[in-house]
């Protein structure tokens, strides 16, 4: 994720027909409070539209630690890898 505005643009572009949005943070090396707030805001908006929202963040990464510290793992539907999303 390069910037919060880029994330917002990508998520805002989700079509109504989408059933799931996946934000893959596997390669992300930094996540600040603005990004976490953006993820939470978009999760709520998509939930209102009936769109499943998931975040991929490996358990051993610094981004995962930030998500754990802020206690948003469950709310954001965080999974360890994309393979955890196969259903």
N, C-alpha and C. Protein backbone atom coordinates (compact mmCIF):
# COMPACT_ATOMS: atom_id res chain seq x y z
N UNK A 1 0.86 -1.15 0.00
CA UNK A 1 0.00 0.00 0.00
C UNK A 1 0.91 1.22 0.00
N UNK A 2 0.84 2.01 -1.03
CA UNK A 2 1.71 3.17 -1.13
C UNK A 2 1.19 4.33 -0.27
N UNK A 3 -0.06 4.66 -0.44
CA UNK A 3 -0.63 5.77 0.33
C UNK A 3 -2.10 5.51 0.63
N UNK A 4 -2.60 6.18 1.62
CA UNK A 4 -4.01 6.03 1.97
C UNK A 4 -4.92 6.47 0.82
N UNK A 5 -4.64 7.60 0.12
CA UNK A 5 -5.51 7.97 -1.00
C UNK A 5 -5.56 6.90 -2.09
N UNK A 6 -4.44 6.24 -2.37
CA UNK A 6 -4.46 5.18 -3.38
C UNK A 6 -5.32 4.01 -2.93
N UNK A 7 -5.22 3.67 -1.66
CA UNK A 7 -6.06 2.60 -1.11
C UNK A 7 -7.53 2.98 -1.23
N UNK A 8 -7.86 4.20 -0.84
CA UNK A 8 -9.25 4.66 -0.90
C UNK A 8 -9.78 4.63 -2.33
N UNK A 9 -8.98 5.07 -3.28
CA UNK A 9 -9.40 5.07 -4.68
C UNK A 9 -9.68 3.65 -5.15
N UNK A 10 -8.80 2.73 -4.81
CA UNK A 10 -8.97 1.34 -5.23
C UNK A 10 -10.23 0.73 -4.62
N UNK A 11 -10.44 0.93 -3.34
CA UNK A 11 -11.60 0.33 -2.67
C UNK A 11 -12.89 1.02 -3.10
N UNK A 12 -12.86 2.34 -3.27
CA UNK A 12 -14.05 3.06 -3.71
C UNK A 12 -14.48 2.62 -5.11
N UNK A 13 -13.56 2.10 -5.90
CA UNK A 13 -13.87 1.66 -7.24
C UNK A 13 -14.51 0.28 -7.31
N UNK A 14 -14.70 -0.36 -6.16
CA UNK A 14 -15.30 -1.69 -6.14
C UNK A 14 -16.74 -1.61 -6.65
N UNK A 15 -17.02 -2.47 -7.58
CA UNK A 15 -18.36 -2.49 -8.17
C UNK A 15 -19.36 -3.14 -7.23
N UNK A 16 -20.62 -2.80 -7.39
CA UNK A 16 -21.67 -3.35 -6.54
C UNK A 16 -21.78 -4.86 -6.66
N UNK A 17 -21.35 -5.42 -7.78
CA UNK A 17 -21.45 -6.86 -7.99
C UNK A 17 -20.37 -7.63 -7.22
N UNK A 18 -19.38 -6.94 -6.67
CA UNK A 18 -18.31 -7.61 -5.94
C UNK A 18 -18.85 -8.28 -4.70
N UNK A 19 -18.33 -9.46 -4.43
CA UNK A 19 -18.74 -10.19 -3.23
C UNK A 19 -17.67 -10.12 -2.14
N UNK A 20 -16.43 -9.85 -2.55
CA UNK A 20 -15.33 -9.81 -1.58
C UNK A 20 -14.25 -8.86 -2.06
N UNK A 21 -13.68 -8.12 -1.10
CA UNK A 21 -12.52 -7.27 -1.36
C UNK A 21 -11.39 -7.79 -0.48
N UNK A 22 -10.24 -8.00 -1.10
CA UNK A 22 -9.07 -8.48 -0.38
C UNK A 22 -7.98 -7.42 -0.49
N UNK A 23 -7.49 -6.97 0.66
CA UNK A 23 -6.37 -6.04 0.69
C UNK A 23 -5.17 -6.85 1.17
N UNK A 24 -4.22 -7.07 0.26
CA UNK A 24 -3.05 -7.89 0.57
C UNK A 24 -1.90 -6.99 1.02
N UNK A 25 -1.59 -7.07 2.31
CA UNK A 25 -0.51 -6.26 2.89
C UNK A 25 0.77 -7.06 3.08
N UNK A 26 0.87 -8.18 2.39
CA UNK A 26 2.03 -9.07 2.56
C UNK A 26 3.36 -8.39 2.28
N UNK A 27 3.39 -7.50 1.34
CA UNK A 27 4.64 -6.83 0.98
C UNK A 27 4.77 -5.45 1.62
N UNK A 28 3.83 -5.08 2.45
CA UNK A 28 3.83 -3.77 3.09
C UNK A 28 4.79 -3.76 4.27
N UNK A 29 5.59 -2.71 4.36
CA UNK A 29 6.60 -2.64 5.43
C UNK A 29 6.28 -1.58 6.48
N UNK A 30 5.22 -0.81 6.26
CA UNK A 30 4.86 0.24 7.21
C UNK A 30 3.37 0.48 7.14
N UNK A 31 2.74 0.64 8.29
CA UNK A 31 1.31 0.91 8.35
C UNK A 31 1.08 1.87 9.51
N UNK A 32 0.57 3.06 9.20
CA UNK A 32 0.33 4.04 10.25
C UNK A 32 -1.15 4.11 10.60
N UNK A 33 -1.47 4.97 11.55
CA UNK A 33 -2.86 5.06 12.03
C UNK A 33 -3.81 5.54 10.93
N UNK A 34 -3.34 6.36 10.02
CA UNK A 34 -4.20 6.81 8.92
C UNK A 34 -4.61 5.64 8.03
N UNK A 35 -3.67 4.75 7.77
CA UNK A 35 -3.97 3.58 6.95
C UNK A 35 -4.92 2.64 7.68
N UNK A 36 -4.69 2.43 8.96
CA UNK A 36 -5.58 1.56 9.74
C UNK A 36 -6.98 2.15 9.78
N UNK A 37 -7.10 3.44 9.99
CA UNK A 37 -8.41 4.09 9.98
C UNK A 37 -9.09 3.97 8.64
N UNK A 38 -8.33 4.08 7.56
CA UNK A 38 -8.89 3.94 6.22
C UNK A 38 -9.41 2.52 6.01
N UNK A 39 -8.64 1.52 6.45
CA UNK A 39 -9.09 0.14 6.33
C UNK A 39 -10.39 -0.07 7.11
N UNK A 40 -10.45 0.45 8.32
CA UNK A 40 -11.65 0.30 9.13
C UNK A 40 -12.86 1.00 8.50
N UNK A 41 -12.65 2.19 8.00
CA UNK A 41 -13.73 2.95 7.36
C UNK A 41 -14.27 2.20 6.14
N UNK A 42 -13.36 1.70 5.32
CA UNK A 42 -13.80 0.98 4.12
C UNK A 42 -14.43 -0.36 4.46
N UNK A 43 -13.95 -1.01 5.49
CA UNK A 43 -14.56 -2.26 5.92
C UNK A 43 -16.03 -2.01 6.29
N UNK A 44 -16.29 -0.96 7.04
CA UNK A 44 -17.66 -0.63 7.44
C UNK A 44 -18.53 -0.30 6.22
N UNK A 45 -17.99 0.49 5.29
CA UNK A 45 -18.76 0.86 4.10
C UNK A 45 -19.10 -0.36 3.26
N UNK A 46 -18.12 -1.24 3.07
CA UNK A 46 -18.36 -2.43 2.26
C UNK A 46 -19.32 -3.38 2.98
N UNK A 47 -19.20 -3.48 4.28
CA UNK A 47 -20.11 -4.33 5.05
C UNK A 47 -21.55 -3.88 4.86
N UNK A 48 -21.79 -2.58 4.81
CA UNK A 48 -23.14 -2.06 4.59
C UNK A 48 -23.68 -2.44 3.22
N UNK A 49 -22.77 -2.68 2.27
CA UNK A 49 -23.16 -3.09 0.91
C UNK A 49 -23.19 -4.60 0.76
N UNK A 50 -22.88 -5.32 1.84
CA UNK A 50 -22.89 -6.78 1.78
C UNK A 50 -21.65 -7.37 1.14
N UNK A 51 -20.57 -6.60 1.11
CA UNK A 51 -19.31 -7.07 0.51
C UNK A 51 -18.37 -7.53 1.63
N UNK A 52 -17.87 -8.76 1.50
CA UNK A 52 -16.92 -9.31 2.46
C UNK A 52 -15.58 -8.61 2.30
N UNK A 53 -14.97 -8.22 3.40
CA UNK A 53 -13.70 -7.48 3.40
C UNK A 53 -12.68 -8.27 4.19
N UNK A 54 -11.55 -8.56 3.58
CA UNK A 54 -10.48 -9.31 4.23
C UNK A 54 -9.15 -8.62 4.01
N UNK A 55 -8.27 -8.76 4.99
CA UNK A 55 -6.92 -8.22 4.91
C UNK A 55 -5.95 -9.38 5.08
N UNK A 56 -4.99 -9.48 4.15
CA UNK A 56 -3.94 -10.49 4.24
C UNK A 56 -2.72 -9.83 4.86
N UNK A 57 -2.25 -10.42 5.97
CA UNK A 57 -1.07 -9.91 6.65
C UNK A 57 -0.36 -11.06 7.35
N UNK A 58 0.82 -11.44 6.87
CA UNK A 58 1.55 -12.55 7.48
C UNK A 58 1.78 -12.32 8.97
N UNK A 59 1.69 -13.39 9.73
CA UNK A 59 1.75 -13.31 11.19
C UNK A 59 3.08 -12.79 11.71
N UNK A 60 4.14 -12.91 10.93
CA UNK A 60 5.47 -12.51 11.40
C UNK A 60 5.90 -11.11 10.93
N UNK A 61 4.99 -10.35 10.35
CA UNK A 61 5.35 -9.04 9.81
C UNK A 61 5.08 -7.89 10.76
N UNK A 62 5.73 -6.76 10.47
CA UNK A 62 5.54 -5.56 11.31
C UNK A 62 4.13 -4.99 11.15
N UNK A 63 3.56 -5.16 9.98
CA UNK A 63 2.20 -4.67 9.75
C UNK A 63 1.23 -5.46 10.63
N UNK A 64 1.42 -6.76 10.71
CA UNK A 64 0.55 -7.59 11.55
C UNK A 64 0.65 -7.14 13.01
N UNK A 65 1.86 -6.82 13.44
CA UNK A 65 2.06 -6.36 14.81
C UNK A 65 1.25 -5.08 15.06
N UNK A 66 1.27 -4.15 14.10
CA UNK A 66 0.50 -2.91 14.24
C UNK A 66 -0.99 -3.20 14.33
N UNK A 67 -1.46 -4.16 13.54
CA UNK A 67 -2.88 -4.53 13.57
C UNK A 67 -3.24 -5.20 14.90
N UNK A 68 -2.31 -5.98 15.43
CA UNK A 68 -2.55 -6.62 16.73
C UNK A 68 -2.58 -5.59 17.86
N UNK A 69 -1.62 -4.67 17.85
CA UNK A 69 -1.54 -3.65 18.89
C UNK A 69 -2.81 -2.79 18.92
N UNK A 70 -3.35 -2.49 17.75
CA UNK A 70 -4.55 -1.66 17.68
C UNK A 70 -5.84 -2.47 17.82
N UNK A 71 -5.68 -3.79 18.00
CA UNK A 71 -6.81 -4.67 18.28
C UNK A 71 -7.88 -4.66 17.18
N UNK A 72 -7.45 -4.74 15.92
CA UNK A 72 -8.40 -4.72 14.81
C UNK A 72 -8.35 -6.00 13.96
N UNK A 73 -7.62 -7.00 14.42
CA UNK A 73 -7.47 -8.24 13.66
C UNK A 73 -8.83 -8.84 13.29
N UNK A 74 -9.69 -9.03 14.28
CA UNK A 74 -11.00 -9.64 14.02
C UNK A 74 -11.90 -8.73 13.21
N UNK A 75 -11.91 -7.46 13.54
CA UNK A 75 -12.79 -6.51 12.85
C UNK A 75 -12.47 -6.42 11.36
N UNK A 76 -11.17 -6.48 11.02
CA UNK A 76 -10.77 -6.38 9.62
C UNK A 76 -10.73 -7.73 8.91
N UNK A 77 -11.02 -8.80 9.62
CA UNK A 77 -10.99 -10.12 8.98
C UNK A 77 -9.60 -10.49 8.49
N UNK A 78 -8.59 -10.24 9.31
CA UNK A 78 -7.20 -10.48 8.91
C UNK A 78 -6.91 -11.97 8.86
N UNK A 79 -6.26 -12.38 7.77
CA UNK A 79 -5.80 -13.76 7.60
C UNK A 79 -4.30 -13.75 7.33
N UNK A 80 -3.66 -14.90 7.54
CA UNK A 80 -2.21 -15.00 7.38
C UNK A 80 -1.74 -14.99 5.94
N UNK A 81 -2.54 -15.59 5.05
CA UNK A 81 -2.13 -15.69 3.64
C UNK A 81 -3.37 -15.79 2.75
N UNK A 82 -3.17 -15.64 1.46
CA UNK A 82 -4.29 -15.74 0.51
C UNK A 82 -4.89 -17.14 0.50
N UNK A 83 -4.06 -18.14 0.78
CA UNK A 83 -4.59 -19.51 0.79
C UNK A 83 -5.62 -19.70 1.89
N UNK A 84 -5.56 -18.89 2.93
CA UNK A 84 -6.56 -18.96 4.00
C UNK A 84 -7.93 -18.46 3.54
N UNK A 85 -7.98 -17.82 2.39
CA UNK A 85 -9.23 -17.25 1.89
C UNK A 85 -10.00 -18.21 0.98
N UNK A 86 -9.40 -19.29 0.61
CA UNK A 86 -10.06 -20.24 -0.30
C UNK A 86 -11.23 -20.88 0.42
N UNK A 87 -12.39 -20.69 -0.17
CA UNK A 87 -13.59 -21.28 0.44
C UNK A 87 -14.61 -21.66 -0.61
